[in-house]
Amino acid sequence: MTLALETTDLKIELALDDDWFTVCDLTALLPGRGVAALLPDGRQAAIFRDRSGDLFAIDNRDPFTGAAVLSRGLTGTHQGRPFVASPLLKQRFDLTSGECLDDETVRVTAYKVRIA
């Protein structure tokens, strides 16, 4: 079996409370781009795969505007910290912690992610 065939069976899961929730296939994530996933409680998560293959998930709601748009933001790194910049007002959110790099009083939820 080739690696391409094997990856089609791999799922991305987020830790929610005390359980894991499947959000999408690994193949749905393009490096450097995000996707939005609807969670069971009605919230949305923004899931990202960076160019080295690492996975990240944060809340999709931009706390500055209230719009669910972070999955459409641009990814990058600042001082070794991976981030996504909101497509609206450009605030940057650390993909590992959810902390806003431009306003330390603001943060979004960061989720544990795994491949299953």
PDB file of N, CA and C in Angstrom:
ATOM      1  N   MET A   1       0.852  -1.179   0.000  1.00  0.00           N
ATOM      2  CA  MET A   1       0.000   0.000   0.000  1.00  0.00           C
ATOM      3  C   MET A   1       0.894   1.236   0.000  1.00  0.00           C
ATOM      4  N   THR A   2       0.594   2.204  -0.843  1.00  0.00           N
ATOM      5  CA  THR A   2       1.406   3.416  -0.910  1.00  0.00           C
ATOM      6  C   THR A   2       1.027   4.362   0.215  1.00  0.00           C
ATOM      7  N   LEU A   3       1.900   5.320   0.465  1.00  0.00           N
ATOM      8  CA  LEU A   3       1.636   6.308   1.512  1.00  0.00           C
ATOM      9  C   LEU A   3       0.384   7.105   1.190  1.00  0.00           C
ATOM     10  N   ALA A   4       0.154   7.448  -0.077  1.00  0.00           N
ATOM     11  CA  ALA A   4      -1.039   8.210  -0.463  1.00  0.00           C
ATOM     12  C   ALA A   4      -2.308   7.448  -0.103  1.00  0.00           C
ATOM     13  N   LEU A   5      -2.303   6.143  -0.305  1.00  0.00           N
ATOM     14  CA  LEU A   5      -3.479   5.355   0.060  1.00  0.00           C
ATOM     15  C   LEU A   5      -3.652   5.289   1.567  1.00  0.00           C
ATOM     16  N   GLU A   6      -2.552   5.213   2.290  1.00  0.00           N
ATOM     17  CA  GLU A   6      -2.635   5.141   3.740  1.00  0.00           C
ATOM     18  C   GLU A   6      -3.175   6.432   4.343  1.00  0.00           C
ATOM     19  N   THR A   7      -2.805   7.591   3.803  1.00  0.00           N
ATOM     20  CA  THR A   7      -3.237   8.848   4.391  1.00  0.00           C
ATOM     21  C   THR A   7      -4.720   9.095   4.197  1.00  0.00           C
ATOM     22  N   THR A   8      -5.352   8.448   3.219  1.00  0.00           N
ATOM     23  CA  THR A   8      -6.785   8.657   3.027  1.00  0.00           C
ATOM     24  C   THR A   8      -7.585   8.066   4.179  1.00  0.00           C
ATOM     25  N   ASP A   9      -6.992   7.153   4.909  1.00  0.00           N
ATOM     26  CA  ASP A   9      -7.676   6.541   6.048  1.00  0.00           C
ATOM     27  C   ASP A   9      -7.424   7.296   7.355  1.00  0.00           C
ATOM     28  N   LEU A  10      -6.557   8.268   7.332  1.00  0.00           N
ATOM     29  CA  LEU A  10      -6.206   8.983   8.548  1.00  0.00           C
ATOM     30  C   LEU A  10      -7.182  10.118   8.809  1.00  0.00           C
ATOM     31  N   LYS A  11      -7.588  10.232  10.061  1.00  0.00           N
ATOM     32  CA  LYS A  11      -8.558  11.243  10.480  1.00  0.00           C
ATOM     33  C   LYS A  11      -7.910  12.213  11.453  1.00  0.00           C
ATOM     34  N   ILE A  12      -8.373  13.463  11.401  1.00  0.00           N
ATOM     35  CA  ILE A  12      -7.949  14.476  12.365  1.00  0.00           C
ATOM     36  C   ILE A  12      -8.968  14.494  13.489  1.00  0.00           C
ATOM     37  N   GLU A  13      -8.484  14.420  14.728  1.00  0.00           N
ATOM     38  CA  GLU A  13      -9.359  14.447  15.896  1.00  0.00           C
ATOM     39  C   GLU A  13      -8.944  15.571  16.841  1.00  0.00           C
ATOM     40  N   LEU A  14      -9.960  16.185  17.468  1.00  0.00           N
ATOM     41  CA  LEU A  14      -9.733  17.215  18.478  1.00  0.00           C
ATOM     42  C   LEU A  14     -10.151  16.687  19.834  1.00  0.00           C
ATOM     43  N   ALA A  15      -9.429  17.090  20.872  1.00  0.00           N
ATOM     44  CA  ALA A  15      -9.801  16.738  22.237  1.00  0.00           C
ATOM     45  C   ALA A  15     -10.905  17.688  22.693  1.00  0.00           C
ATOM     46  N   LEU A  16     -12.064  17.137  23.009  1.00  0.00           N
ATOM     47  CA  LEU A  16     -13.193  17.906  23.537  1.00  0.00           C
ATOM     48  C   LEU A  16     -13.612  17.261  24.844  1.00  0.00           C
ATOM     49  N   ASP A  17     -13.550  18.003  25.923  1.00  0.00           N
ATOM     50  CA  ASP A  17     -13.837  17.480  27.266  1.00  0.00           C
ATOM     51  C   ASP A  17     -12.960  16.271  27.520  1.00  0.00           C
ATOM     52  N   ASP A  18     -13.547  15.090  27.717  1.00  0.00           N
ATOM     53  CA  ASP A  18     -12.761  13.891  27.998  1.00  0.00           C
ATOM     54  C   ASP A  18     -12.766  12.899  26.848  1.00  0.00           C
ATOM     55  N   ASP A  19     -13.058  13.364  25.629  1.00  0.00           N
ATOM     56  CA  ASP A  19     -13.168  12.467  24.487  1.00  0.00           C
ATOM     57  C   ASP A  19     -12.535  13.111  23.260  1.00  0.00           C
ATOM     58  N   TRP A  20     -12.326  12.313  22.222  1.00  0.00           N
ATOM     59  CA  TRP A  20     -11.792  12.802  20.958  1.00  0.00           C
ATOM     60  C   TRP A  20     -12.923  12.856  19.936  1.00  0.00           C
ATOM     61  N   PHE A  21     -12.953  13.934  19.154  1.00  0.00           N
ATOM     62  CA  PHE A  21     -13.986  14.172  18.149  1.00  0.00           C
ATOM     63  C   PHE A  21     -13.328  14.233  16.771  1.00  0.00           C
ATOM     64  N   THR A  22     -13.790  13.390  15.845  1.00  0.00           N
ATOM     65  CA  THR A  22     -13.256  13.380  14.488  1.00  0.00           C
ATOM     66  C   THR A  22     -13.808  14.568  13.712  1.00  0.00           C
ATOM     67  N   VAL A  23     -12.900  15.360  13.118  1.00  0.00           N
ATOM     68  CA  VAL A  23     -13.341  16.560  12.397  1.00  0.00           C
ATOM     69  C   VAL A  23     -13.197  16.448  10.883  1.00  0.00           C
ATOM     70  N   CYS A  24     -12.174  15.740  10.391  1.00  0.00           N
ATOM     71  CA  CYS A  24     -12.011  15.620   8.937  1.00  0.00           C
ATOM     72  C   CYS A  24     -10.930  14.595   8.622  1.00  0.00           C
ATOM     73  N   ASP A  25     -10.804  14.306   7.335  1.00  0.00           N
ATOM     74  CA  ASP A  25      -9.707  13.466   6.857  1.00  0.00           C
ATOM     75  C   ASP A  25      -8.429  14.303   6.788  1.00  0.00           C
ATOM     76  N   LEU A  26      -7.294  13.670   6.994  1.00  0.00           N
ATOM     77  CA  LEU A  26      -6.018  14.363   6.891  1.00  0.00           C
ATOM     78  C   LEU A  26      -5.850  14.978   5.502  1.00  0.00           C
ATOM     79  N   THR A  27      -6.352  14.324   4.481  1.00  0.00           N
ATOM     80  CA  THR A  27      -6.206  14.821   3.114  1.00  0.00           C
ATOM     81  C   THR A  27      -6.962  16.125   2.870  1.00  0.00           C
ATOM     82  N   ALA A  28      -7.871  16.504   3.757  1.00  0.00           N
ATOM     83  CA  ALA A  28      -8.605  17.777   3.608  1.00  0.00           C
ATOM     84  C   ALA A  28      -7.752  18.976   3.977  1.00  0.00           C
ATOM     85  N   LEU A  29      -6.623  18.736   4.618  1.00  0.00           N
ATOM     86  CA  LEU A  29      -5.758  19.833   5.067  1.00  0.00           C
ATOM     87  C   LEU A  29      -4.582  20.023   4.118  1.00  0.00           C
ATOM     88  N   LEU A  30      -4.535  21.179   3.487  1.00  0.00           N
ATOM     89  CA  LEU A  30      -3.405  21.529   2.645  1.00  0.00           C
ATOM     90  C   LEU A  30      -2.411  22.313   3.495  1.00  0.00           C
ATOM     91  N   PRO A  31      -1.126  22.014   3.369  1.00  0.00           N
ATOM     92  CA  PRO A  31      -0.132  22.747   4.159  1.00  0.00           C
ATOM     93  C   PRO A  31      -0.248  24.253   3.959  1.00  0.00           C
ATOM     94  N   GLY A  32      -0.250  24.987   5.078  1.00  0.00           N
ATOM     95  CA  GLY A  32      -0.329  26.434   5.043  1.00  0.00           C
ATOM     96  C   GLY A  32      -1.731  26.998   4.921  1.00  0.00           C
ATOM     97  N   ARG A  33      -2.732  26.134   4.853  1.00  0.00           N
ATOM     98  CA  ARG A  33      -4.119  26.574   4.715  1.00  0.00           C
ATOM     99  C   ARG A  33      -4.944  26.003   5.869  1.00  0.00           C
ATOM    100  N   GLY A  34      -6.058  26.644   6.181  1.00  0.00           N
ATOM    101  CA  GLY A  34      -6.922  26.176   7.253  1.00  0.00           C
ATOM    102  C   GLY A  34      -8.258  25.692   6.738  1.00  0.00           C
ATOM    103  N   VAL A  35      -8.945  24.903   7.562  1.00  0.00           N
ATOM    104  CA  VAL A  35     -10.326  24.503   7.296  1.00  0.00           C
ATOM    105  C   VAL A  35     -11.123  24.722   8.569  1.00  0.00           C
ATOM    106  N   ALA A  36     -12.408  24.982   8.404  1.00  0.00           N
ATOM    107  CA  ALA A  36     -13.300  25.147   9.549  1.00  0.00           C
ATOM    108  C   ALA A  36     -14.062  23.853   9.763  1.00  0.00           C
ATOM    109  N   ALA A  37     -14.304  23.526  11.028  1.00  0.00           N
ATOM    110  CA  ALA A  37     -15.066  22.329  11.376  1.00  0.00           C
ATOM    111  C   ALA A  37     -16.116  22.703  12.417  1.00  0.00           C
ATOM    112  N   LEU A  38     -17.310  22.200  12.225  1.00  0.00           N
ATOM    113  CA  LEU A  38     -18.400  22.418  13.178  1.00  0.00           C
ATOM    114  C   LEU A  38     -18.271  21.410  14.311  1.00  0.00           C
ATOM    115  N   LEU A  39     -18.288  21.897  15.533  1.00  0.00           N
ATOM    116  CA  LEU A  39     -18.175  21.037  16.711  1.00  0.00           C
ATOM    117  C   LEU A  39     -19.565  20.682  17.225  1.00  0.00           C
ATOM    118  N   PRO A  40     -19.687  19.624  18.022  1.00  0.00           N
ATOM    119  CA  PRO A  40     -21.009  19.184  18.497  1.00  0.00           C
ATOM    120  C   PRO A  40     -21.804  20.244  19.251  1.00  0.00           C
ATOM    121  N   ASP A  41     -21.124  21.186  19.920  1.00  0.00           N
ATOM    122  CA  ASP A  41     -21.835  22.209  20.683  1.00  0.00           C
ATOM    123  C   ASP A  41     -22.191  23.441  19.849  1.00  0.00           C
ATOM    124  N   GLY A  42     -21.925  23.404  18.540  1.00  0.00           N
ATOM    125  CA  GLY A  42     -22.266  24.503  17.649  1.00  0.00           C
ATOM    126  C   GLY A  42     -21.133  25.481  17.394  1.00  0.00           C
ATOM    127  N   ARG A  43     -20.052  25.391  18.179  1.00  0.00           N
ATOM    128  CA  ARG A  43     -18.890  26.247  17.916  1.00  0.00           C
ATOM    129  C   ARG A  43     -18.164  25.732  16.675  1.00  0.00           C
ATOM    130  N   GLN A  44     -17.222  26.520  16.201  1.00  0.00           N
ATOM    131  CA  GLN A  44     -16.388  26.105  15.080  1.00  0.00           C
ATOM    132  C   GLN A  44     -14.926  26.116  15.503  1.00  0.00           C
ATOM    133  N   ALA A  45     -14.171  25.180  14.949  1.00  0.00           N
ATOM    134  CA  ALA A  45     -12.727  25.151  15.150  1.00  0.00           C
ATOM    135  C   ALA A  45     -12.056  25.405  13.805  1.00  0.00           C
ATOM    136  N   ALA A  46     -10.911  26.057  13.841  1.00  0.00           N
ATOM    137  CA  ALA A  46     -10.077  26.259  12.663  1.00  0.00           C
ATOM    138  C   ALA A  46      -8.897  25.304  12.787  1.00  0.00           C
ATOM    139  N   ILE A  47      -8.753  24.418  11.797  1.00  0.00           N
ATOM    140  CA  ILE A  47      -7.704  23.403  11.836  1.00  0.00           C
ATOM    141  C   ILE A  47      -6.675  23.742  10.773  1.00  0.00           C
ATOM    142  N   PHE A  48      -5.402  23.643  11.144  1.00  0.00           N
ATOM    143  CA  PHE A  48      -4.308  23.998  10.251  1.00  0.00           C
ATOM    144  C   PHE A  48      -3.270  22.887  10.225  1.00  0.00           C
ATOM    145  N   ARG A  49      -2.618  22.756   9.069  1.00  0.00           N
ATOM    146  CA  ARG A  49      -1.467  21.871   8.893  1.00  0.00           C
ATOM    147  C   ARG A  49      -0.365  22.745   8.317  1.00  0.00           C
ATOM    148  N   ASP A  50       0.750  22.839   9.035  1.00  0.00           N
ATOM    149  CA  ASP A  50       1.822  23.685   8.514  1.00  0.00           C
ATOM    150  C   ASP A  50       2.647  22.922   7.488  1.00  0.00           C
ATOM    151  N   ARG A  51       3.601  23.603   6.904  1.00  0.00           N
ATOM    152  CA  ARG A  51       4.377  23.010   5.813  1.00  0.00           C
ATOM    153  C   ARG A  51       5.272  21.857   6.274  1.00  0.00           C
ATOM    154  N   SER A  52       5.534  21.766   7.574  1.00  0.00           N
ATOM    155  CA  SER A  52       6.314  20.638   8.086  1.00  0.00           C
ATOM    156  C   SER A  52       5.413  19.470   8.501  1.00  0.00           C
ATOM    157  N   GLY A  53       4.077  19.653   8.394  1.00  0.00           N
ATOM    158  CA  GLY A  53       3.142  18.577   8.711  1.00  0.00           C
ATOM    159  C   GLY A  53       2.534  18.648  10.094  1.00  0.00           C
ATOM    160  N   ASP A  54       2.952  19.625  10.908  1.00  0.00           N
ATOM    161  CA  ASP A  54       2.381  19.757  12.250  1.00  0.00           C
ATOM    162  C   ASP A  54       0.934  20.243  12.166  1.00  0.00           C
ATOM    163  N   LEU A  55       0.111  19.776  13.097  1.00  0.00           N
ATOM    164  CA  LEU A  55      -1.314  20.116  13.128  1.00  0.00           C
ATOM    165  C   LEU A  55      -1.628  21.039  14.295  1.00  0.00           C
ATOM    166  N   PHE A  56      -2.563  21.953  14.062  1.00  0.00           N
ATOM    167  CA  PHE A  56      -2.992  22.904  15.080  1.00  0.00           C
ATOM    168  C   PHE A  56      -4.492  23.114  14.951  1.00  0.00           C
ATOM    169  N   ALA A  57      -5.145  23.450  16.060  1.00  0.00           N
ATOM    170  CA  ALA A  57      -6.571  23.785  16.028  1.00  0.00           C
ATOM    171  C   ALA A  57      -6.858  24.844  17.082  1.00  0.00           C
ATOM    172  N   ILE A  58      -7.562  25.870  16.655  1.00  0.00           N
ATOM    173  CA  ILE A  58      -7.991  26.947  17.548  1.00  0.00           C
ATOM    174  C   ILE A  58      -9.443  27.260  17.240  1.00  0.00           C
ATOM    175  N   ASP A  59     -10.047  28.061  18.093  1.00  0.00           N
ATOM    176  CA  ASP A  59     -11.409  28.522  17.842  1.00  0.00           C
ATOM    177  C   ASP A  59     -11.421  29.307  16.531  1.00  0.00           C
ATOM    178  N   ASN A  60     -12.451  29.138  15.714  1.00  0.00           N
ATOM    179  CA  ASN A  60     -12.542  29.815  14.428  1.00  0.00           C
ATOM    180  C   ASN A  60     -13.057  31.249  14.549  1.00  0.00           C
ATOM    181  N   ARG A  61     -13.614  31.600  15.699  1.00  0.00           N
ATOM    182  CA  ARG A  61     -14.221  32.924  15.885  1.00  0.00           C
ATOM    183  C   ARG A  61     -13.166  33.971  16.235  1.00  0.00           C
ATOM    184  N   ASP A  62     -13.104  35.015  15.428  1.00  0.00           N
ATOM    185  CA  ASP A  62     -12.208  36.139  15.680  1.00  0.00           C
ATOM    186  C   ASP A  62     -12.798  36.961  16.831  1.00  0.00           C
ATOM    187  N   PRO A  63     -12.130  37.037  17.979  1.00  0.00           N
ATOM    188  CA  PRO A  63     -12.711  37.741  19.126  1.00  0.00           C
ATOM    189  C   PRO A  63     -12.822  39.261  18.932  1.00  0.00           C
ATOM    190  N   PHE A  64     -12.129  39.806  17.965  1.00  0.00           N
ATOM    191  CA  PHE A  64     -12.185  41.248  17.731  1.00  0.00           C
ATOM    192  C   PHE A  64     -13.406  41.648  16.903  1.00  0.00           C
ATOM    193  N   THR A  65     -13.891  40.750  16.043  1.00  0.00           N
ATOM    194  CA  THR A  65     -15.030  41.082  15.175  1.00  0.00           C
ATOM    195  C   THR A  65     -16.241  40.193  15.416  1.00  0.00           C
ATOM    196  N   GLY A  66     -16.028  39.020  16.027  1.00  0.00           N
ATOM    197  CA  GLY A  66     -17.106  38.063  16.231  1.00  0.00           C
ATOM    198  C   GLY A  66     -17.359  37.179  15.028  1.00  0.00           C
ATOM    199  N   ALA A  67     -16.659  37.403  13.939  1.00  0.00           N
ATOM    200  CA  ALA A  67     -16.854  36.614  12.718  1.00  0.00           C
ATOM    201  C   ALA A  67     -16.064  35.310  12.779  1.00  0.00           C
ATOM    202  N   ALA A  68     -16.634  34.248  12.236  1.00  0.00           N
ATOM    203  CA  ALA A  68     -15.979  32.934  12.197  1.00  0.00           C
ATOM    204  C   ALA A  68     -15.113  32.854  10.939  1.00  0.00           C
ATOM    205  N   VAL A  69     -13.884  33.413  11.043  1.00  0.00           N
ATOM    206  CA  VAL A  69     -13.044  33.561   9.858  1.00  0.00           C
ATOM    207  C   VAL A  69     -11.584  33.144  10.040  1.00  0.00           C
ATOM    208  N   LEU A  70     -11.169  32.741  11.232  1.00  0.00           N
ATOM    209  CA  LEU A  70      -9.745  32.476  11.440  1.00  0.00           C
ATOM    210  C   LEU A  70      -9.215  31.350  10.550  1.00  0.00           C
ATOM    211  N   SER A  71     -10.069  30.413  10.166  1.00  0.00           N
ATOM    212  CA  SER A  71      -9.628  29.330   9.279  1.00  0.00           C
ATOM    213  C   SER A  71      -9.201  29.852   7.915  1.00  0.00           C
ATOM    214  N   ARG A  72      -9.608  31.079   7.563  1.00  0.00           N
ATOM    215  CA  ARG A  72      -9.257  31.682   6.271  1.00  0.00           C
ATOM    216  C   ARG A  72      -8.053  32.606   6.358  1.00  0.00           C
ATOM    217  N   GLY A  73      -7.447  32.665   7.540  1.00  0.00           N
ATOM    218  CA  GLY A  73      -6.318  33.573   7.735  1.00  0.00           C
ATOM    219  C   GLY A  73      -5.026  33.050   7.148  1.00  0.00           C
ATOM    220  N   LEU A  74      -4.037  33.935   7.103  1.00  0.00           N
ATOM    221  CA  LEU A  74      -2.707  33.588   6.618  1.00  0.00           C
ATOM    222  C   LEU A  74      -1.866  33.056   7.767  1.00  0.00           C
ATOM    223  N   THR A  75      -1.129  31.976   7.512  1.00  0.00           N
ATOM    224  CA  THR A  75      -0.280  31.386   8.543  1.00  0.00           C
ATOM    225  C   THR A  75       1.160  31.853   8.365  1.00  0.00           C
ATOM    226  N   GLY A  76       1.896  31.822   9.467  1.00  0.00           N
ATOM    227  CA  GLY A  76       3.300  32.183   9.453  1.00  0.00           C
ATOM    228  C   GLY A  76       3.925  31.868  10.786  1.00  0.00           C
ATOM    229  N   THR A  77       5.115  32.378  11.011  1.00  0.00           N
ATOM    230  CA  THR A  77       5.776  32.219  12.306  1.00  0.00           C
ATOM    231  C   THR A  77       6.342  33.570  12.734  1.00  0.00           C
ATOM    232  N   HIS A  78       6.368  33.787  14.036  1.00  0.00           N
ATOM    233  CA  HIS A  78       6.961  34.988  14.621  1.00  0.00           C
ATOM    234  C   HIS A  78       7.778  34.535  15.819  1.00  0.00           C
ATOM    235  N   GLN A  79       9.072  34.763  15.769  1.00  0.00           N
ATOM    236  CA  GLN A  79       9.981  34.347  16.830  1.00  0.00           C
ATOM    237  C   GLN A  79       9.785  32.869  17.170  1.00  0.00           C
ATOM    238  N   GLY A  80       9.638  32.057  16.140  1.00  0.00           N
ATOM    239  CA  GLY A  80       9.495  30.618  16.302  1.00  0.00           C
ATOM    240  C   GLY A  80       8.107  30.149  16.688  1.00  0.00           C
ATOM    241  N   ARG A  81       7.160  31.059  16.807  1.00  0.00           N
ATOM    242  CA  ARG A  81       5.795  30.698  17.198  1.00  0.00           C
ATOM    243  C   ARG A  81       4.897  30.668  15.961  1.00  0.00           C
ATOM    244  N   PRO A  82       4.259  29.526  15.693  1.00  0.00           N
ATOM    245  CA  PRO A  82       3.344  29.483  14.552  1.00  0.00           C
ATOM    246  C   PRO A  82       2.087  30.288  14.853  1.00  0.00           C
ATOM    247  N   PHE A  83       1.595  31.033  13.849  1.00  0.00           N
ATOM    248  CA  PHE A  83       0.408  31.854  14.072  1.00  0.00           C
ATOM    249  C   PHE A  83      -0.476  31.864  12.834  1.00  0.00           C
ATOM    250  N   VAL A  84      -1.704  32.313  13.041  1.00  0.00           N
ATOM    251  CA  VAL A  84      -2.601  32.657  11.946  1.00  0.00           C
ATOM    252  C   VAL A  84      -2.997  34.107  12.144  1.00  0.00           C
ATOM    253  N   ALA A  85      -3.009  34.880  11.053  1.00  0.00           N
ATOM    254  CA  ALA A  85      -3.436  36.274  11.094  1.00  0.00           C
ATOM    255  C   ALA A  85      -4.877  36.342  10.621  1.00  0.00           C
ATOM    256  N   SER A  86      -5.713  36.972  11.403  1.00  0.00           N
ATOM    257  CA  SER A  86      -7.117  37.113  11.026  1.00  0.00           C
ATOM    258  C   SER A  86      -7.220  37.812   9.673  1.00  0.00           C
ATOM    259  N   PRO A  87      -8.076  37.314   8.786  1.00  0.00           N
ATOM    260  CA  PRO A  87      -8.221  37.976   7.491  1.00  0.00           C
ATOM    261  C   PRO A  87      -8.930  39.329   7.568  1.00  0.00           C
ATOM    262  N   LEU A  88      -9.506  39.651   8.715  1.00  0.00           N
ATOM    263  CA  LEU A  88     -10.233  40.919   8.835  1.00  0.00           C
ATOM    264  C   LEU A  88      -9.346  42.049   9.350  1.00  0.00           C
ATOM    265  N   LEU A  89      -8.934  41.990  10.606  1.00  0.00           N
ATOM    266  CA  LEU A  89      -8.150  43.085  11.192  1.00  0.00           C
ATOM    267  C   LEU A  89      -6.670  42.745  11.354  1.00  0.00           C
ATOM    268  N   LYS A  90      -6.292  41.535  10.960  1.00  0.00           N
ATOM    269  CA  LYS A  90      -4.890  41.079  10.898  1.00  0.00           C
ATOM    270  C   LYS A  90      -4.228  40.767  12.232  1.00  0.00           C
ATOM    271  N   GLN A  91      -4.996  40.694  13.333  1.00  0.00           N
ATOM    272  CA  GLN A  91      -4.370  40.267  14.583  1.00  0.00           C
ATOM    273  C   GLN A  91      -3.881  38.830  14.411  1.00  0.00           C
ATOM    274  N   ARG A  92      -2.741  38.546  15.034  1.00  0.00           N
ATOM    275  CA  ARG A  92      -2.127  37.222  14.924  1.00  0.00           C
ATOM    276  C   ARG A  92      -2.396  36.408  16.190  1.00  0.00           C
ATOM    277  N   PHE A  93      -2.770  35.135  15.979  1.00  0.00           N
ATOM    278  CA  PHE A  93      -3.063  34.228  17.089  1.00  0.00           C
ATOM    279  C   PHE A  93      -2.113  33.048  17.033  1.00  0.00           C
ATOM    280  N   ASP A  94      -1.440  32.811  18.177  1.00  0.00           N
ATOM    281  CA  ASP A  94      -0.528  31.680  18.312  1.00  0.00           C
ATOM    282  C   ASP A  94      -1.326  30.399  18.137  1.00  0.00           C
ATOM    283  N   LEU A  95      -0.880  29.534  17.238  1.00  0.00           N
ATOM    284  CA  LEU A  95      -1.620  28.303  16.949  1.00  0.00           C
ATOM    285  C   LEU A  95      -1.462  27.234  18.025  1.00  0.00           C
ATOM    286  N   THR A  96      -0.475  27.368  18.904  1.00  0.00           N
ATOM    287  CA  THR A  96      -0.321  26.377  19.968  1.00  0.00           C
ATOM    288  C   THR A  96      -1.048  26.760  21.248  1.00  0.00           C
ATOM    289  N   SER A  97      -1.120  28.064  21.529  1.00  0.00           N
ATOM    290  CA  SER A  97      -1.728  28.507  22.793  1.00  0.00           C
ATOM    291  C   SER A  97      -3.035  29.276  22.619  1.00  0.00           C
ATOM    292  N   GLY A  98      -3.270  29.823  21.425  1.00  0.00           N
ATOM    293  CA  GLY A  98      -4.441  30.666  21.197  1.00  0.00           C
ATOM    294  C   GLY A  98      -4.237  32.113  21.590  1.00  0.00           C
ATOM    295  N   GLU A  99      -3.072  32.447  22.162  1.00  0.00           N
ATOM    296  CA  GLU A  99      -2.796  33.812  22.599  1.00  0.00           C
ATOM    297  C   GLU A  99      -2.693  34.756  21.400  1.00  0.00           C
ATOM    298  N   CYS A 100      -3.261  35.934  21.539  1.00  0.00           N
ATOM    299  CA  CYS A 100      -3.123  36.966  20.514  1.00  0.00           C
ATOM    300  C   CYS A 100      -1.737  37.583  20.660  1.00  0.00           C
ATOM    301  N   LEU A 101      -0.952  37.561  19.588  1.00  0.00           N
ATOM    302  CA  LEU A 101       0.400  38.098  19.645  1.00  0.00           C
ATOM    303  C   LEU A 101       0.421  39.617  19.621  1.00  0.00           C
ATOM    304  N   ASP A 102      -0.708  40.224  19.297  1.00  0.00           N
ATOM    305  CA  ASP A 102      -0.792  41.676  19.197  1.00  0.00           C
ATOM    306  C   ASP A 102      -1.516  42.320  20.380  1.00  0.00           C
ATOM    307  N   ASP A 103      -2.146  41.511  21.205  1.00  0.00           N
ATOM    308  CA  ASP A 103      -2.861  42.010  22.389  1.00  0.00           C
ATOM    309  C   ASP A 103      -2.901  40.872  23.404  1.00  0.00           C
ATOM    310  N   GLU A 104      -1.987  40.903  24.361  1.00  0.00           N
ATOM    311  CA  GLU A 104      -1.833  39.785  25.305  1.00  0.00           C
ATOM    312  C   GLU A 104      -3.044  39.563  26.208  1.00  0.00           C
ATOM    313  N   THR A 105      -4.001  40.470  26.210  1.00  0.00           N
ATOM    314  CA  THR A 105      -5.207  40.291  27.025  1.00  0.00           C
ATOM    315  C   THR A 105      -6.278  39.465  26.305  1.00  0.00           C
ATOM    316  N   VAL A 106      -6.028  39.129  25.043  1.00  0.00           N
ATOM    317  CA  VAL A 106      -7.014  38.401  24.234  1.00  0.00           C
ATOM    318  C   VAL A 106      -6.450  37.057  23.825  1.00  0.00           C
ATOM    319  N   ARG A 107      -7.318  36.048  23.852  1.00  0.00           N
ATOM    320  CA  ARG A 107      -6.917  34.719  23.376  1.00  0.00           C
ATOM    321  C   ARG A 107      -8.134  33.964  22.882  1.00  0.00           C
ATOM    322  N   VAL A 108      -7.891  32.953  22.077  1.00  0.00           N
ATOM    323  CA  VAL A 108      -8.939  32.047  21.624  1.00  0.00           C
ATOM    324  C   VAL A 108      -8.603  30.656  22.162  1.00  0.00           C
ATOM    325  N   THR A 109      -9.580  29.791  22.173  1.00  0.00           N
ATOM    326  CA  THR A 109      -9.357  28.420  22.637  1.00  0.00           C
ATOM    327  C   THR A 109      -8.416  27.693  21.683  1.00  0.00           C
ATOM    328  N   ALA A 110      -7.460  26.984  22.241  1.00  0.00           N
ATOM    329  CA  ALA A 110      -6.578  26.113  21.466  1.00  0.00           C
ATOM    330  C   ALA A 110      -6.922  24.672  21.832  1.00  0.00           C
ATOM    331  N   TYR A 111      -7.007  23.812  20.838  1.00  0.00           N
ATOM    332  CA  TYR A 111      -7.395  22.416  21.041  1.00  0.00           C
ATOM    333  C   TYR A 111      -6.213  21.497  20.831  1.00  0.00           C
ATOM    334  N   LYS A 112      -6.177  20.396  21.571  1.00  0.00           N
ATOM    335  CA  LYS A 112      -5.225  19.330  21.297  1.00  0.00           C
ATOM    336  C   LYS A 112      -5.697  18.613  20.037  1.00  0.00           C
ATOM    337  N   VAL A 113      -4.754  18.263  19.178  1.00  0.00           N
ATOM    338  CA  VAL A 113      -5.074  17.634  17.897  1.00  0.00           C
ATOM    339  C   VAL A 113      -4.257  16.361  17.768  1.00  0.00           C
ATOM    340  N   ARG A 114      -4.854  15.358  17.129  1.00  0.00           N
ATOM    341  CA  ARG A 114      -4.095  14.136  16.830  1.00  0.00           C
ATOM    342  C   ARG A 114      -4.589  13.538  15.524  1.00  0.00           C
ATOM    343  N   ILE A 115      -3.751  12.669  14.979  1.00  0.00           N
ATOM    344  CA  ILE A 115      -4.121  11.889  13.799  1.00  0.00           C
ATOM    345  C   ILE A 115      -4.474  10.495  14.276  1.00  0.00           C
ATOM    346  N   ALA A 116      -5.604  10.010  13.838  1.00  0.00           N
ATOM    347  CA  ALA A 116      -6.044   8.671  14.255  1.00  0.00           C
ATOM    348  C   ALA A 116      -6.208   7.780  13.037  1.00  0.00           C
TER     349      ALA A 116
END
